[in-house]
Amino acid sequence: MKKRIIASILLIVLCVGLLAGCKEGWTKPEEPESGGDITLSGEMYSGKVVVSVVLHPDGTAECDANGNKSEGTWEKGTGDIAMVAHVDVKGEPVELQITEEDGVYSAPFDMVPGLTLTGK
């Protein structure tokens, strides 16, 4: 009788452990270590072109392209794209497709061929 009770208890513990290990659905991503903001920046031509984009946790973005400042938005991307940011530079809309690898974010800045913004 004791063996049957012990076996039943072990079976229950095993089932609870298996159910606890099952995780399904969306999990909240971890906040970046920088306090929530992600800053991407880059420069070309010996500093004659300097671009900085700051993504805030609330879905807003700030862009500074050679002193031309603007505000924008960003949202979660799909597939290999971690995020997509939308900003304006001199009245022109710019879409940044941001990828992430090992905690480092990067995005080509198509308005300046060859310029890639990187940051954490």
PDB file of N, CA and C in Angstrom:
ATOM      1  N   MET A   1       0.808  -1.187   0.000  1.00  0.00           N
ATOM      2  CA  MET A   1       0.000   0.000   0.000  1.00  0.00           C
ATOM      3  C   MET A   1       0.862   1.265   0.000  1.00  0.00           C
ATOM      4  N   LYS A   2       1.931   1.254   0.821  1.00  0.00           N
ATOM      5  CA  LYS A   2       2.809   2.418   0.896  1.00  0.00           C
ATOM      6  C   LYS A   2       3.478   2.676  -0.451  1.00  0.00           C
ATOM      7  N   LYS A   3       3.861   1.605  -1.155  1.00  0.00           N
ATOM      8  CA  LYS A   3       4.500   1.774  -2.463  1.00  0.00           C
ATOM      9  C   LYS A   3       3.552   2.434  -3.449  1.00  0.00           C
ATOM     10  N   ARG A   4       2.295   2.092  -3.373  1.00  0.00           N
ATOM     11  CA  ARG A   4       1.297   2.660  -4.283  1.00  0.00           C
ATOM     12  C   ARG A   4       1.093   4.157  -4.001  1.00  0.00           C
ATOM     13  N   ILE A   5       1.076   4.550  -2.738  1.00  0.00           N
ATOM     14  CA  ILE A   5       0.925   5.958  -2.361  1.00  0.00           C
ATOM     15  C   ILE A   5       2.147   6.759  -2.809  1.00  0.00           C
ATOM     16  N   ILE A   6       3.326   6.223  -2.577  1.00  0.00           N
ATOM     17  CA  ILE A   6       4.560   6.903  -2.993  1.00  0.00           C
ATOM     18  C   ILE A   6       4.598   7.041  -4.513  1.00  0.00           C
ATOM     19  N   ALA A   7       4.216   5.996  -5.217  1.00  0.00           N
ATOM     20  CA  ALA A   7       4.198   6.052  -6.684  1.00  0.00           C
ATOM     21  C   ALA A   7       3.200   7.095  -7.168  1.00  0.00           C
ATOM     22  N   SER A   8       2.053   7.180  -6.530  1.00  0.00           N
ATOM     23  CA  SER A   8       1.039   8.174  -6.909  1.00  0.00           C
ATOM     24  C   SER A   8       1.548   9.591  -6.666  1.00  0.00           C
ATOM     25  N   ILE A   9       2.186   9.803  -5.515  1.00  0.00           N
ATOM     26  CA  ILE A   9       2.727  11.124  -5.205  1.00  0.00           C
ATOM     27  C   ILE A   9       3.811  11.510  -6.212  1.00  0.00           C
ATOM     28  N   LEU A  10       4.692  10.586  -6.544  1.00  0.00           N
ATOM     29  CA  LEU A  10       5.735  10.863  -7.536  1.00  0.00           C
ATOM     30  C   LEU A  10       5.138  11.172  -8.898  1.00  0.00           C
ATOM     31  N   LEU A  11       4.085  10.475  -9.272  1.00  0.00           N
ATOM     32  CA  LEU A  11       3.420  10.720 -10.552  1.00  0.00           C
ATOM     33  C   LEU A  11       2.802  12.114 -10.577  1.00  0.00           C
ATOM     34  N   ILE A  12       2.172  12.508  -9.473  1.00  0.00           N
ATOM     35  CA  ILE A  12       1.578  13.845  -9.387  1.00  0.00           C
ATOM     36  C   ILE A  12       2.662  14.916  -9.478  1.00  0.00           C
ATOM     37  N   VAL A  13       3.762  14.732  -8.768  1.00  0.00           N
ATOM     38  CA  VAL A  13       4.873  15.690  -8.803  1.00  0.00           C
ATOM     39  C   VAL A  13       5.433  15.788 -10.218  1.00  0.00           C
ATOM     40  N   LEU A  14       5.584  14.667 -10.884  1.00  0.00           N
ATOM     41  CA  LEU A  14       6.087  14.659 -12.261  1.00  0.00           C
ATOM     42  C   LEU A  14       5.145  15.406 -13.196  1.00  0.00           C
ATOM     43  N   CYS A  15       3.850  15.172 -13.081  1.00  0.00           N
ATOM     44  CA  CYS A  15       2.866  15.854 -13.930  1.00  0.00           C
ATOM     45  C   CYS A  15       2.866  17.360 -13.690  1.00  0.00           C
ATOM     46  N   VAL A  16       2.923  17.768 -12.421  1.00  0.00           N
ATOM     47  CA  VAL A  16       2.954  19.199 -12.101  1.00  0.00           C
ATOM     48  C   VAL A  16       4.220  19.827 -12.673  1.00  0.00           C
ATOM     49  N   GLY A  17       5.336  19.130 -12.550  1.00  0.00           N
ATOM     50  CA  GLY A  17       6.596  19.641 -13.105  1.00  0.00           C
ATOM     51  C   GLY A  17       6.534  19.794 -14.611  1.00  0.00           C
ATOM     52  N   LEU A  18       5.931  18.838 -15.289  1.00  0.00           N
ATOM     53  CA  LEU A  18       5.804  18.925 -16.744  1.00  0.00           C
ATOM     54  C   LEU A  18       4.899  20.075 -17.146  1.00  0.00           C
ATOM     55  N   LEU A  19       3.787  20.244 -16.434  1.00  0.00           N
ATOM     56  CA  LEU A  19       2.880  21.345 -16.752  1.00  0.00           C
ATOM     57  C   LEU A  19       3.515  22.702 -16.477  1.00  0.00           C
ATOM     58  N   ALA A  20       4.310  22.790 -15.430  1.00  0.00           N
ATOM     59  CA  ALA A  20       4.970  24.053 -15.107  1.00  0.00           C
ATOM     60  C   ALA A  20       5.997  24.416 -16.177  1.00  0.00           C
ATOM     61  N   GLY A  21       6.582  23.408 -16.814  1.00  0.00           N
ATOM     62  CA  GLY A  21       7.581  23.660 -17.845  1.00  0.00           C
ATOM     63  C   GLY A  21       6.990  24.050 -19.181  1.00  0.00           C
ATOM     64  N   CYS A  22       5.700  23.822 -19.371  1.00  0.00           N
ATOM     65  CA  CYS A  22       5.050  24.173 -20.636  1.00  0.00           C
ATOM     66  C   CYS A  22       4.768  25.663 -20.653  1.00  0.00           C
ATOM     67  N   LYS A  23       5.287  26.345 -21.655  1.00  0.00           N
ATOM     68  CA  LYS A  23       5.083  27.777 -21.793  1.00  0.00           C
ATOM     69  C   LYS A  23       4.598  28.030 -23.203  1.00  0.00           C
ATOM     70  N   GLU A  24       3.527  28.726 -23.331  1.00  0.00           N
ATOM     71  CA  GLU A  24       2.986  28.956 -24.647  1.00  0.00           C
ATOM     72  C   GLU A  24       2.595  30.412 -24.782  1.00  0.00           C
ATOM     73  N   GLY A  25       2.715  30.956 -25.979  1.00  0.00           N
ATOM     74  CA  GLY A  25       2.261  32.312 -26.230  1.00  0.00           C
ATOM     75  C   GLY A  25       3.363  33.338 -26.101  1.00  0.00           C
ATOM     76  N   TRP A  26       2.946  34.580 -26.037  1.00  0.00           N
ATOM     77  CA  TRP A  26       3.834  35.730 -26.039  1.00  0.00           C
ATOM     78  C   TRP A  26       4.505  35.886 -24.686  1.00  0.00           C
ATOM     79  N   THR A  27       5.792  36.198 -24.704  1.00  0.00           N
ATOM     80  CA  THR A  27       6.497  36.543 -23.481  1.00  0.00           C
ATOM     81  C   THR A  27       7.031  37.957 -23.641  1.00  0.00           C
ATOM     82  N   LYS A  28       6.948  38.723 -22.609  1.00  0.00           N
ATOM     83  CA  LYS A  28       7.390  40.113 -22.656  1.00  0.00           C
ATOM     84  C   LYS A  28       8.897  40.172 -22.850  1.00  0.00           C
ATOM     85  N   PRO A  29       9.369  40.956 -23.846  1.00  0.00           N
ATOM     86  CA  PRO A  29      10.815  41.078 -24.028  1.00  0.00           C
ATOM     87  C   PRO A  29      11.447  41.825 -22.865  1.00  0.00           C
ATOM     88  N   GLU A  30      12.707  41.532 -22.615  1.00  0.00           N
ATOM     89  CA  GLU A  30      13.420  42.216 -21.545  1.00  0.00           C
ATOM     90  C   GLU A  30      13.715  43.649 -21.955  1.00  0.00           C
ATOM     91  N   GLU A  31      13.640  44.546 -20.981  1.00  0.00           N
ATOM     92  CA  GLU A  31      13.970  45.939 -21.237  1.00  0.00           C
ATOM     93  C   GLU A  31      15.465  46.077 -21.467  1.00  0.00           C
ATOM     94  N   PRO A  32      15.883  46.912 -22.407  1.00  0.00           N
ATOM     95  CA  PRO A  32      17.314  47.138 -22.597  1.00  0.00           C
ATOM     96  C   PRO A  32      17.950  47.689 -21.321  1.00  0.00           C
ATOM     97  N   GLU A  33      19.221  47.405 -21.121  1.00  0.00           N
ATOM     98  CA  GLU A  33      19.931  47.836 -19.923  1.00  0.00           C
ATOM     99  C   GLU A  33      20.080  49.350 -19.847  1.00  0.00           C
ATOM    100  N   SER A  34      19.925  50.051 -20.949  1.00  0.00           N
ATOM    101  CA  SER A  34      20.141  51.492 -20.961  1.00  0.00           C
ATOM    102  C   SER A  34      18.965  52.258 -20.367  1.00  0.00           C
ATOM    103  N   GLY A  35      18.123  51.602 -19.593  1.00  0.00           N
ATOM    104  CA  GLY A  35      17.001  52.291 -18.984  1.00  0.00           C
ATOM    105  C   GLY A  35      15.798  52.323 -19.898  1.00  0.00           C
ATOM    106  N   GLY A  36      15.812  51.577 -20.956  1.00  0.00           N
ATOM    107  CA  GLY A  36      14.666  51.509 -21.841  1.00  0.00           C
ATOM    108  C   GLY A  36      14.913  52.112 -23.203  1.00  0.00           C
ATOM    109  N   ASP A  37      15.727  53.156 -23.302  1.00  0.00           N
ATOM    110  CA  ASP A  37      15.996  53.771 -24.598  1.00  0.00           C
ATOM    111  C   ASP A  37      17.029  52.958 -25.371  1.00  0.00           C
ATOM    112  N   ILE A  38      16.845  52.927 -26.680  1.00  0.00           N
ATOM    113  CA  ILE A  38      17.839  52.337 -27.582  1.00  0.00           C
ATOM    114  C   ILE A  38      18.328  53.468 -28.472  1.00  0.00           C
ATOM    115  N   THR A  39      19.619  53.692 -28.508  1.00  0.00           N
ATOM    116  CA  THR A  39      20.187  54.762 -29.327  1.00  0.00           C
ATOM    117  C   THR A  39      21.008  54.154 -30.458  1.00  0.00           C
ATOM    118  N   LEU A  40      20.639  54.498 -31.683  1.00  0.00           N
ATOM    119  CA  LEU A  40      21.372  54.083 -32.873  1.00  0.00           C
ATOM    120  C   LEU A  40      22.038  55.319 -33.453  1.00  0.00           C
ATOM    121  N   SER A  41      23.306  55.200 -33.845  1.00  0.00           N
ATOM    122  CA  SER A  41      23.984  56.352 -34.424  1.00  0.00           C
ATOM    123  C   SER A  41      25.019  55.896 -35.437  1.00  0.00           C
ATOM    124  N   GLY A  42      25.418  56.842 -36.260  1.00  0.00           N
ATOM    125  CA  GLY A  42      26.448  56.575 -37.250  1.00  0.00           C
ATOM    126  C   GLY A  42      26.908  57.871 -37.888  1.00  0.00           C
ATOM    127  N   GLU A  43      28.086  57.810 -38.497  1.00  0.00           N
ATOM    128  CA  GLU A  43      28.609  58.987 -39.187  1.00  0.00           C
ATOM    129  C   GLU A  43      29.421  58.556 -40.398  1.00  0.00           C
ATOM    130  N   MET A  44      29.520  59.463 -41.342  1.00  0.00           N
ATOM    131  CA  MET A  44      30.302  59.220 -42.562  1.00  0.00           C
ATOM    132  C   MET A  44      30.993  60.509 -42.977  1.00  0.00           C
ATOM    133  N   TYR A  45      31.904  60.362 -43.909  1.00  0.00           N
ATOM    134  CA  TYR A  45      32.622  61.498 -44.503  1.00  0.00           C
ATOM    135  C   TYR A  45      33.306  62.355 -43.439  1.00  0.00           C
ATOM    136  N   SER A  46      34.094  61.691 -42.580  1.00  0.00           N
ATOM    137  CA  SER A  46      34.864  62.364 -41.533  1.00  0.00           C
ATOM    138  C   SER A  46      33.989  63.242 -40.643  1.00  0.00           C
ATOM    139  N   GLY A  47      32.803  62.754 -40.314  1.00  0.00           N
ATOM    140  CA  GLY A  47      31.915  63.478 -39.412  1.00  0.00           C
ATOM    141  C   GLY A  47      31.051  64.534 -40.070  1.00  0.00           C
ATOM    142  N   LYS A  48      31.070  64.625 -41.392  1.00  0.00           N
ATOM    143  CA  LYS A  48      30.227  65.617 -42.069  1.00  0.00           C
ATOM    144  C   LYS A  48      28.761  65.171 -42.088  1.00  0.00           C
ATOM    145  N   VAL A  49      28.530  63.874 -41.990  1.00  0.00           N
ATOM    146  CA  VAL A  49      27.167  63.340 -41.887  1.00  0.00           C
ATOM    147  C   VAL A  49      27.087  62.588 -40.556  1.00  0.00           C
ATOM    148  N   VAL A  50      26.242  63.074 -39.667  1.00  0.00           N
ATOM    149  CA  VAL A  50      26.071  62.456 -38.354  1.00  0.00           C
ATOM    150  C   VAL A  50      24.572  62.262 -38.120  1.00  0.00           C
ATOM    151  N   VAL A  51      24.193  61.018 -37.838  1.00  0.00           N
ATOM    152  CA  VAL A  51      22.777  60.697 -37.629  1.00  0.00           C
ATOM    153  C   VAL A  51      22.640  59.931 -36.312  1.00  0.00           C
ATOM    154  N   SER A  52      21.632  60.299 -35.546  1.00  0.00           N
ATOM    155  CA  SER A  52      21.331  59.626 -34.291  1.00  0.00           C
ATOM    156  C   SER A  52      19.819  59.427 -34.197  1.00  0.00           C
ATOM    157  N   VAL A  53      19.398  58.222 -33.825  1.00  0.00           N
ATOM    158  CA  VAL A  53      17.978  57.916 -33.633  1.00  0.00           C
ATOM    159  C   VAL A  53      17.826  57.272 -32.259  1.00  0.00           C
ATOM    160  N   VAL A  54      16.933  57.816 -31.436  1.00  0.00           N
ATOM    161  CA  VAL A  54      16.666  57.281 -30.105  1.00  0.00           C
ATOM    162  C   VAL A  54      15.254  56.711 -30.097  1.00  0.00           C
ATOM    163  N   LEU A  55      15.151  55.432 -29.718  1.00  0.00           N
ATOM    164  CA  LEU A  55      13.852  54.764 -29.614  1.00  0.00           C
ATOM    165  C   LEU A  55      13.476  54.678 -28.140  1.00  0.00           C
ATOM    166  N   HIS A  56      12.317  55.212 -27.784  1.00  0.00           N
ATOM    167  CA  HIS A  56      11.843  55.195 -26.400  1.00  0.00           C
ATOM    168  C   HIS A  56      10.879  54.017 -26.210  1.00  0.00           C
ATOM    169  N   PRO A  57      10.801  53.483 -24.986  1.00  0.00           N
ATOM    170  CA  PRO A  57       9.935  52.327 -24.730  1.00  0.00           C
ATOM    171  C   PRO A  57       8.459  52.569 -25.037  1.00  0.00           C
ATOM    172  N   ASP A  58       8.018  53.832 -25.054  1.00  0.00           N
ATOM    173  CA  ASP A  58       6.601  54.118 -25.299  1.00  0.00           C
ATOM    174  C   ASP A  58       6.224  54.118 -26.780  1.00  0.00           C
ATOM    175  N   GLY A  59       7.172  53.758 -27.666  1.00  0.00           N
ATOM    176  CA  GLY A  59       6.880  53.696 -29.095  1.00  0.00           C
ATOM    177  C   GLY A  59       7.187  54.977 -29.852  1.00  0.00           C
ATOM    178  N   THR A  60       7.769  55.970 -29.168  1.00  0.00           N
ATOM    179  CA  THR A  60       8.152  57.200 -29.855  1.00  0.00           C
ATOM    180  C   THR A  60       9.642  57.147 -30.198  1.00  0.00           C
ATOM    181  N   ALA A  61      10.039  57.995 -31.138  1.00  0.00           N
ATOM    182  CA  ALA A  61      11.434  58.046 -31.570  1.00  0.00           C
ATOM    183  C   ALA A  61      11.839  59.498 -31.786  1.00  0.00           C
ATOM    184  N   GLU A  62      13.123  59.756 -31.635  1.00  0.00           N
ATOM    185  CA  GLU A  62      13.696  61.071 -31.921  1.00  0.00           C
ATOM    186  C   GLU A  62      14.839  60.878 -32.899  1.00  0.00           C
ATOM    187  N   CYS A  63      14.923  61.753 -33.881  1.00  0.00           N
ATOM    188  CA  CYS A  63      15.984  61.668 -34.880  1.00  0.00           C
ATOM    189  C   CYS A  63      16.722  63.000 -34.931  1.00  0.00           C
ATOM    190  N   ASP A  64      18.036  62.924 -35.014  1.00  0.00           N
ATOM    191  CA  ASP A  64      18.871  64.102 -35.216  1.00  0.00           C
ATOM    192  C   ASP A  64      19.819  63.779 -36.360  1.00  0.00           C
ATOM    193  N   ALA A  65      19.583  64.401 -37.515  1.00  0.00           N
ATOM    194  CA  ALA A  65      20.409  64.185 -38.696  1.00  0.00           C
ATOM    195  C   ALA A  65      21.080  65.509 -39.046  1.00  0.00           C
ATOM    196  N   ASN A  66      22.342  65.640 -38.667  1.00  0.00           N
ATOM    197  CA  ASN A  66      23.103  66.877 -38.886  1.00  0.00           C
ATOM    198  C   ASN A  66      22.375  68.098 -38.339  1.00  0.00           C
ATOM    199  N   GLY A  67      21.800  67.975 -37.167  1.00  0.00           N
ATOM    200  CA  GLY A  67      21.120  69.099 -36.536  1.00  0.00           C
ATOM    201  C   GLY A  67      19.658  69.241 -36.903  1.00  0.00           C
ATOM    202  N   ASN A  68      19.181  68.496 -37.881  1.00  0.00           N
ATOM    203  CA  ASN A  68      17.763  68.513 -38.247  1.00  0.00           C
ATOM    204  C   ASN A  68      17.045  67.500 -37.355  1.00  0.00           C
ATOM    205  N   LYS A  69      16.318  68.031 -36.366  1.00  0.00           N
ATOM    206  CA  LYS A  69      15.668  67.156 -35.391  1.00  0.00           C
ATOM    207  C   LYS A  69      14.211  66.924 -35.766  1.00  0.00           C
ATOM    208  N   SER A  70      13.769  65.697 -35.507  1.00  0.00           N
ATOM    209  CA  SER A  70      12.367  65.357 -35.745  1.00  0.00           C
ATOM    210  C   SER A  70      11.950  64.267 -34.786  1.00  0.00           C
ATOM    211  N   GLU A  71      10.652  64.069 -34.702  1.00  0.00           N
ATOM    212  CA  GLU A  71      10.100  63.009 -33.870  1.00  0.00           C
ATOM    213  C   GLU A  71       9.427  61.990 -34.768  1.00  0.00           C
ATOM    214  N   GLY A  72       9.305  60.781 -34.259  1.00  0.00           N
ATOM    215  CA  GLY A  72       8.670  59.730 -35.035  1.00  0.00           C
ATOM    216  C   GLY A  72       8.137  58.643 -34.128  1.00  0.00           C
ATOM    217  N   THR A  73       7.942  57.481 -34.713  1.00  0.00           N
ATOM    218  CA  THR A  73       7.414  56.338 -33.977  1.00  0.00           C
ATOM    219  C   THR A  73       8.187  55.086 -34.364  1.00  0.00           C
ATOM    220  N   TRP A  74       7.979  54.030 -33.602  1.00  0.00           N
ATOM    221  CA  TRP A  74       8.539  52.727 -33.957  1.00  0.00           C
ATOM    222  C   TRP A  74       7.602  51.646 -33.447  1.00  0.00           C
ATOM    223  N   GLU A  75       7.668  50.493 -34.102  1.00  0.00           N
ATOM    224  CA  GLU A  75       6.894  49.342 -33.658  1.00  0.00           C
ATOM    225  C   GLU A  75       7.724  48.089 -33.822  1.00  0.00           C
ATOM    226  N   LYS A  76       7.267  47.019 -33.179  1.00  0.00           N
ATOM    227  CA  LYS A  76       7.938  45.724 -33.256  1.00  0.00           C
ATOM    228  C   LYS A  76       7.872  45.230 -34.694  1.00  0.00           C
ATOM    229  N   GLY A  77       8.977  44.663 -35.163  1.00  0.00           N
ATOM    230  CA  GLY A  77       9.036  44.125 -36.514  1.00  0.00           C
ATOM    231  C   GLY A  77       8.633  42.661 -36.561  1.00  0.00           C
ATOM    232  N   THR A  78       8.774  42.069 -37.727  1.00  0.00           N
ATOM    233  CA  THR A  78       8.472  40.648 -37.901  1.00  0.00           C
ATOM    234  C   THR A  78       9.660  39.960 -38.555  1.00  0.00           C
ATOM    235  N   GLY A  79       9.756  38.661 -38.336  1.00  0.00           N
ATOM    236  CA  GLY A  79      10.849  37.894 -38.931  1.00  0.00           C
ATOM    237  C   GLY A  79      12.195  38.336 -38.396  1.00  0.00           C
ATOM    238  N   ASP A  80      13.139  38.604 -39.304  1.00  0.00           N
ATOM    239  CA  ASP A  80      14.481  39.029 -38.912  1.00  0.00           C
ATOM    240  C   ASP A  80      14.532  40.492 -38.465  1.00  0.00           C
ATOM    241  N   ILE A  81      13.478  41.246 -38.722  1.00  0.00           N
ATOM    242  CA  ILE A  81      13.439  42.664 -38.367  1.00  0.00           C
ATOM    243  C   ILE A  81      12.918  42.800 -36.936  1.00  0.00           C
ATOM    244  N   ALA A  82      13.762  43.317 -36.032  1.00  0.00           N
ATOM    245  CA  ALA A  82      13.372  43.464 -34.627  1.00  0.00           C
ATOM    246  C   ALA A  82      12.387  44.611 -34.435  1.00  0.00           C
ATOM    247  N   MET A  83      12.651  45.743 -35.111  1.00  0.00           N
ATOM    248  CA  MET A  83      11.816  46.931 -34.983  1.00  0.00           C
ATOM    249  C   MET A  83      11.823  47.696 -36.299  1.00  0.00           C
ATOM    250  N   VAL A  84      10.777  48.493 -36.506  1.00  0.00           N
ATOM    251  CA  VAL A  84      10.705  49.384 -37.660  1.00  0.00           C
ATOM    252  C   VAL A  84      10.433  50.786 -37.119  1.00  0.00           C
ATOM    253  N   ALA A  85      11.320  51.725 -37.433  1.00  0.00           N
ATOM    254  CA  ALA A  85      11.171  53.104 -36.972  1.00  0.00           C
ATOM    255  C   ALA A  85      10.784  53.994 -38.149  1.00  0.00           C
ATOM    256  N   HIS A  86       9.952  54.984 -37.858  1.00  0.00           N
ATOM    257  CA  HIS A  86       9.504  55.939 -38.869  1.00  0.00           C
ATOM    258  C   HIS A  86       9.852  57.340 -38.383  1.00  0.00           C
ATOM    259  N   VAL A  87      10.746  58.021 -39.092  1.00  0.00           N
ATOM    260  CA  VAL A  87      11.150  59.387 -38.747  1.00  0.00           C
ATOM    261  C   VAL A  87      11.150  60.219 -40.022  1.00  0.00           C
ATOM    262  N   ASP A  88      11.286  61.529 -39.868  1.00  0.00           N
ATOM    263  CA  ASP A  88      11.407  62.441 -41.002  1.00  0.00           C
ATOM    264  C   ASP A  88      12.771  63.104 -40.957  1.00  0.00           C
ATOM    265  N   VAL A  89      13.378  63.267 -42.112  1.00  0.00           N
ATOM    266  CA  VAL A  89      14.624  63.999 -42.235  1.00  0.00           C
ATOM    267  C   VAL A  89      14.418  65.034 -43.329  1.00  0.00           C
ATOM    268  N   LYS A  90      14.458  66.302 -42.939  1.00  0.00           N
ATOM    269  CA  LYS A  90      14.212  67.421 -43.851  1.00  0.00           C
ATOM    270  C   LYS A  90      12.892  67.247 -44.594  1.00  0.00           C
ATOM    271  N   GLY A  91      11.872  66.802 -43.861  1.00  0.00           N
ATOM    272  CA  GLY A  91      10.544  66.642 -44.441  1.00  0.00           C
ATOM    273  C   GLY A  91      10.334  65.368 -45.243  1.00  0.00           C
ATOM    274  N   GLU A  92      11.374  64.572 -45.388  1.00  0.00           N
ATOM    275  CA  GLU A  92      11.268  63.306 -46.118  1.00  0.00           C
ATOM    276  C   GLU A  92      11.082  62.148 -45.139  1.00  0.00           C
ATOM    277  N   PRO A  93      10.072  61.295 -45.373  1.00  0.00           N
ATOM    278  CA  PRO A  93       9.901  60.151 -44.481  1.00  0.00           C
ATOM    279  C   PRO A  93      11.013  59.119 -44.669  1.00  0.00           C
ATOM    280  N   VAL A  94      11.515  58.609 -43.553  1.00  0.00           N
ATOM    281  CA  VAL A  94      12.565  57.597 -43.564  1.00  0.00           C
ATOM    282  C   VAL A  94      12.085  56.417 -42.715  1.00  0.00           C
ATOM    283  N   GLU A  95      12.174  55.216 -43.273  1.00  0.00           N
ATOM    284  CA  GLU A  95      11.831  54.012 -42.529  1.00  0.00           C
ATOM    285  C   GLU A  95      13.107  53.238 -42.256  1.00  0.00           C
ATOM    286  N   LEU A  96      13.347  52.939 -40.983  1.00  0.00           N
ATOM    287  CA  LEU A  96      14.520  52.176 -40.590  1.00  0.00           C
ATOM    288  C   LEU A  96      14.085  50.766 -40.205  1.00  0.00           C
ATOM    289  N   GLN A  97      14.643  49.776 -40.867  1.00  0.00           N
ATOM    290  CA  GLN A  97      14.379  48.389 -40.511  1.00  0.00           C
ATOM    291  C   GLN A  97      15.545  47.922 -39.654  1.00  0.00           C
ATOM    292  N   ILE A  98      15.269  47.766 -38.374  1.00  0.00           N
ATOM    293  CA  ILE A  98      16.303  47.531 -37.367  1.00  0.00           C
ATOM    294  C   ILE A  98      16.401  46.045 -37.048  1.00  0.00           C
ATOM    295  N   THR A  99      17.616  45.530 -37.118  1.00  0.00           N
ATOM    296  CA  THR A  99      17.863  44.137 -36.747  1.00  0.00           C
ATOM    297  C   THR A  99      18.648  44.114 -35.440  1.00  0.00           C
ATOM    298  N   GLU A 100      18.635  42.959 -34.777  1.00  0.00           N
ATOM    299  CA  GLU A 100      19.344  42.809 -33.509  1.00  0.00           C
ATOM    300  C   GLU A 100      20.136  41.515 -33.535  1.00  0.00           C
ATOM    301  N   GLU A 101      21.397  41.623 -33.111  1.00  0.00           N
ATOM    302  CA  GLU A 101      22.236  40.440 -32.992  1.00  0.00           C
ATOM    303  C   GLU A 101      23.114  40.591 -31.761  1.00  0.00           C
ATOM    304  N   ASP A 102      22.983  39.676 -30.837  1.00  0.00           N
ATOM    305  CA  ASP A 102      23.765  39.681 -29.591  1.00  0.00           C
ATOM    306  C   ASP A 102      23.648  41.003 -28.840  1.00  0.00           C
ATOM    307  N   GLY A 103      22.453  41.579 -28.801  1.00  0.00           N
ATOM    308  CA  GLY A 103      22.219  42.810 -28.055  1.00  0.00           C
ATOM    309  C   GLY A 103      22.639  44.078 -28.755  1.00  0.00           C
ATOM    310  N   VAL A 104      23.129  43.978 -29.990  1.00  0.00           N
ATOM    311  CA  VAL A 104      23.527  45.155 -30.767  1.00  0.00           C
ATOM    312  C   VAL A 104      22.517  45.348 -31.894  1.00  0.00           C
ATOM    313  N   TYR A 105      21.962  46.558 -31.972  1.00  0.00           N
ATOM    314  CA  TYR A 105      20.973  46.890 -32.992  1.00  0.00           C
ATOM    315  C   TYR A 105      21.664  47.591 -34.156  1.00  0.00           C
ATOM    316  N   SER A 106      21.162  47.362 -35.366  1.00  0.00           N
ATOM    317  CA  SER A 106      21.706  48.056 -36.531  1.00  0.00           C
ATOM    318  C   SER A 106      20.619  48.248 -37.579  1.00  0.00           C
ATOM    319  N   ALA A 107      20.789  49.300 -38.371  1.00  0.00           N
ATOM    320  CA  ALA A 107      19.830  49.614 -39.429  1.00  0.00           C
ATOM    321  C   ALA A 107      20.524  50.417 -40.517  1.00  0.00           C
ATOM    322  N   PRO A 108      20.329  50.026 -41.770  1.00  0.00           N
ATOM    323  CA  PRO A 108      20.860  50.859 -42.852  1.00  0.00           C
ATOM    324  C   PRO A 108      20.065  52.161 -42.924  1.00  0.00           C
ATOM    325  N   PHE A 109      20.773  53.267 -43.129  1.00  0.00           N
ATOM    326  CA  PHE A 109      20.138  54.584 -43.283  1.00  0.00           C
ATOM    327  C   PHE A 109      20.187  54.913 -44.766  1.00  0.00           C
ATOM    328  N   ASP A 110      19.136  54.497 -45.496  1.00  0.00           N
ATOM    329  CA  ASP A 110      19.127  54.550 -46.961  1.00  0.00           C
ATOM    330  C   ASP A 110      19.255  55.955 -47.543  1.00  0.00           C
ATOM    331  N   MET A 111      18.952  56.983 -46.758  1.00  0.00           N
ATOM    332  CA  MET A 111      19.069  58.350 -47.261  1.00  0.00           C
ATOM    333  C   MET A 111      20.531  58.698 -47.568  1.00  0.00           C
ATOM    334  N   VAL A 112      21.462  58.025 -46.871  1.00  0.00           N
ATOM    335  CA  VAL A 112      22.892  58.197 -47.113  1.00  0.00           C
ATOM    336  C   VAL A 112      23.439  56.813 -47.477  1.00  0.00           C
ATOM    337  N   PRO A 113      23.643  56.526 -48.764  1.00  0.00           N
ATOM    338  CA  PRO A 113      24.111  55.197 -49.166  1.00  0.00           C
ATOM    339  C   PRO A 113      25.388  54.789 -48.436  1.00  0.00           C
ATOM    340  N   GLY A 114      25.348  53.568 -47.867  1.00  0.00           N
ATOM    341  CA  GLY A 114      26.508  53.050 -47.164  1.00  0.00           C
ATOM    342  C   GLY A 114      26.531  53.334 -45.684  1.00  0.00           C
ATOM    343  N   LEU A 115      25.625  54.184 -45.186  1.00  0.00           N
ATOM    344  CA  LEU A 115      25.595  54.519 -43.760  1.00  0.00           C
ATOM    345  C   LEU A 115      24.725  53.514 -43.021  1.00  0.00           C
ATOM    346  N   THR A 116      25.300  52.914 -41.976  1.00  0.00           N
ATOM    347  CA  THR A 116      24.555  52.002 -41.106  1.00  0.00           C
ATOM    348  C   THR A 116      24.598  52.552 -39.692  1.00  0.00           C
ATOM    349  N   LEU A 117      23.435  52.656 -39.073  1.00  0.00           N
ATOM    350  CA  LEU A 117      23.330  53.113 -37.688  1.00  0.00           C
ATOM    351  C   LEU A 117      23.433  51.890 -36.784  1.00  0.00           C
ATOM    352  N   THR A 118      24.197  52.008 -35.710  1.00  0.00           N
ATOM    353  CA  THR A 118      24.346  50.891 -34.768  1.00  0.00           C
ATOM    354  C   THR A 118      24.220  51.420 -33.353  1.00  0.00           C
ATOM    355  N   GLY A 119      23.893  50.538 -32.413  1.00  0.00           N
ATOM    356  CA  GLY A 119      23.830  50.931 -31.021  1.00  0.00           C
ATOM    357  C   GLY A 119      23.165  49.900 -30.152  1.00  0.00           C
ATOM    358  N   LYS A 120      22.995  50.272 -28.895  1.00  0.00           N
ATOM    359  CA  LYS A 120      22.377  49.396 -27.886  1.00  0.00           C
ATOM    360  C   LYS A 120      21.231  50.107 -27.233  1.00  0.00           C
TER     361      LYS A 120
END
